[in-house]
Amino acid sequence: MGQIPTRRVSFRRIMARPAFALGVADVRAGKLHRPDYDSWPDSDDQWDYERGRQWATVTPRSVRLKRDGKITAEAWHWAVHHGGDIL
């Protein structure tokens, strides 16, 4: 089996996805991976979840991911600053 097709996507778009926010919330709550993680049907969700966990690891807890449904400037700053650690 070969690799699935890939496509370009912005990191801001990844940060806006629910799976990214779930990864952030789990790390900040001190939780391990979700028990059903391996059975998620969309591999993009798994990638986004992992990226959210990584972002939450390098970002101070005081930095809010979203405000009024939008990525905060401070959250974006941390993503840009640590993008190589996350992607």
Protein backbone atom coordinates (compact mmCIF):
# COMPACT_ATOMS: atom_id res chain seq x y z
CA MET A 1 0.00 0.00 0.00
CA GLY A 2 1.37 3.41 -0.98
CA GLN A 3 1.15 6.66 0.83
CA ILE A 4 -2.13 8.52 0.65
CA PRO A 5 -2.21 11.62 -1.57
CA THR A 6 -1.05 14.81 0.13
CA ARG A 7 -2.06 18.42 -0.36
CA ARG A 8 -0.84 21.76 0.87
CA VAL A 9 -2.73 23.34 3.73
CA SER A 10 -1.90 26.38 5.85
CA PHE A 11 -1.01 25.96 9.48
CA ARG A 12 -3.64 28.56 10.39
CA ARG A 13 -6.26 26.28 8.81
CA ILE A 14 -4.91 23.30 10.75
CA MET A 15 -5.14 25.31 13.98
CA ALA A 16 -8.79 26.09 13.24
CA ARG A 17 -9.79 22.42 13.03
CA PRO A 18 -11.63 20.78 15.95
CA ALA A 19 -9.09 17.93 16.22
CA PHE A 20 -6.27 20.45 16.79
CA ALA A 21 -8.22 22.09 19.62
CA LEU A 22 -8.95 18.66 21.09
CA GLY A 23 -5.22 17.86 21.13
CA VAL A 24 -4.52 21.17 22.86
CA ALA A 25 -7.23 20.55 25.45
CA ASP A 26 -6.00 17.02 26.18
CA VAL A 27 -2.40 18.10 26.79
CA ARG A 28 -3.46 21.01 28.97
CA ALA A 29 -5.67 18.65 30.98
CA GLY A 30 -2.77 16.20 31.39
CA LYS A 31 -4.53 13.48 29.39
CA LEU A 32 -2.90 10.81 27.28
CA HIS A 33 -4.10 10.04 23.75
CA ARG A 34 -7.76 9.29 23.29
CA PRO A 35 -8.55 5.55 23.57
CA ASP A 36 -10.27 5.55 20.16
CA TYR A 37 -7.51 7.58 18.46
CA ASP A 38 -6.30 4.67 16.30
CA SER A 39 -9.78 4.07 14.92
CA TRP A 40 -10.55 7.65 13.79
CA PRO A 41 -11.66 7.37 10.17
CA ASP A 42 -9.95 10.55 8.97
CA SER A 43 -6.15 10.48 9.16
CA ASP A 44 -6.15 14.28 8.81
CA ASP A 45 -7.88 14.43 12.20
CA GLN A 46 -5.13 12.29 13.70
CA TRP A 47 -2.44 14.57 12.25
CA ASP A 48 -4.26 17.70 13.44
CA TYR A 49 -4.75 16.21 16.90
CA GLU A 50 -1.02 15.42 17.12
CA ARG A 51 -0.10 18.92 15.97
CA GLY A 52 -2.43 20.37 18.61
CA ARG A 53 -0.72 18.27 21.27
CA GLN A 54 2.69 19.45 20.09
CA TRP A 55 1.61 23.11 19.96
CA ALA A 56 0.27 22.85 23.52
CA THR A 57 3.58 21.38 24.66
CA VAL A 58 5.67 24.34 23.42
CA THR A 59 3.12 27.08 24.20
CA PRO A 60 2.46 28.53 27.67
CA ARG A 61 -0.90 27.56 29.14
CA SER A 62 -1.83 31.22 29.40
CA VAL A 63 -1.98 31.49 25.60
CA ARG A 64 -5.54 30.99 24.39
CA LEU A 65 -5.92 29.13 21.12
CA LYS A 66 -9.14 30.89 20.09
CA ARG A 67 -11.22 33.89 21.04
CA ASP A 68 -14.70 34.34 19.54
CA GLY A 69 -14.01 31.33 17.30
CA LYS A 70 -10.84 32.82 15.77
CA ILE A 71 -7.19 31.96 16.28
CA THR A 72 -5.65 34.54 18.61
CA ALA A 73 -2.65 36.60 17.50
CA GLU A 74 -0.65 35.25 20.43
CA ALA A 75 -1.51 31.64 19.49
CA TRP A 76 -0.45 32.34 15.91
CA HIS A 77 2.81 33.90 17.12
CA TRP A 78 3.67 30.73 19.03
CA ALA A 79 2.79 28.58 16.02
CA VAL A 80 5.07 30.62 13.75
CA HIS A 81 7.83 30.75 16.33
CA HIS A 82 7.77 26.96 16.91
CA GLY A 83 6.44 25.76 13.55
CA GLY A 84 9.47 23.58 12.93
CA ASP A 85 8.87 21.80 16.23
CA ILE A 86 5.21 21.20 15.39
CA LEU A 87 5.17 20.28 11.71
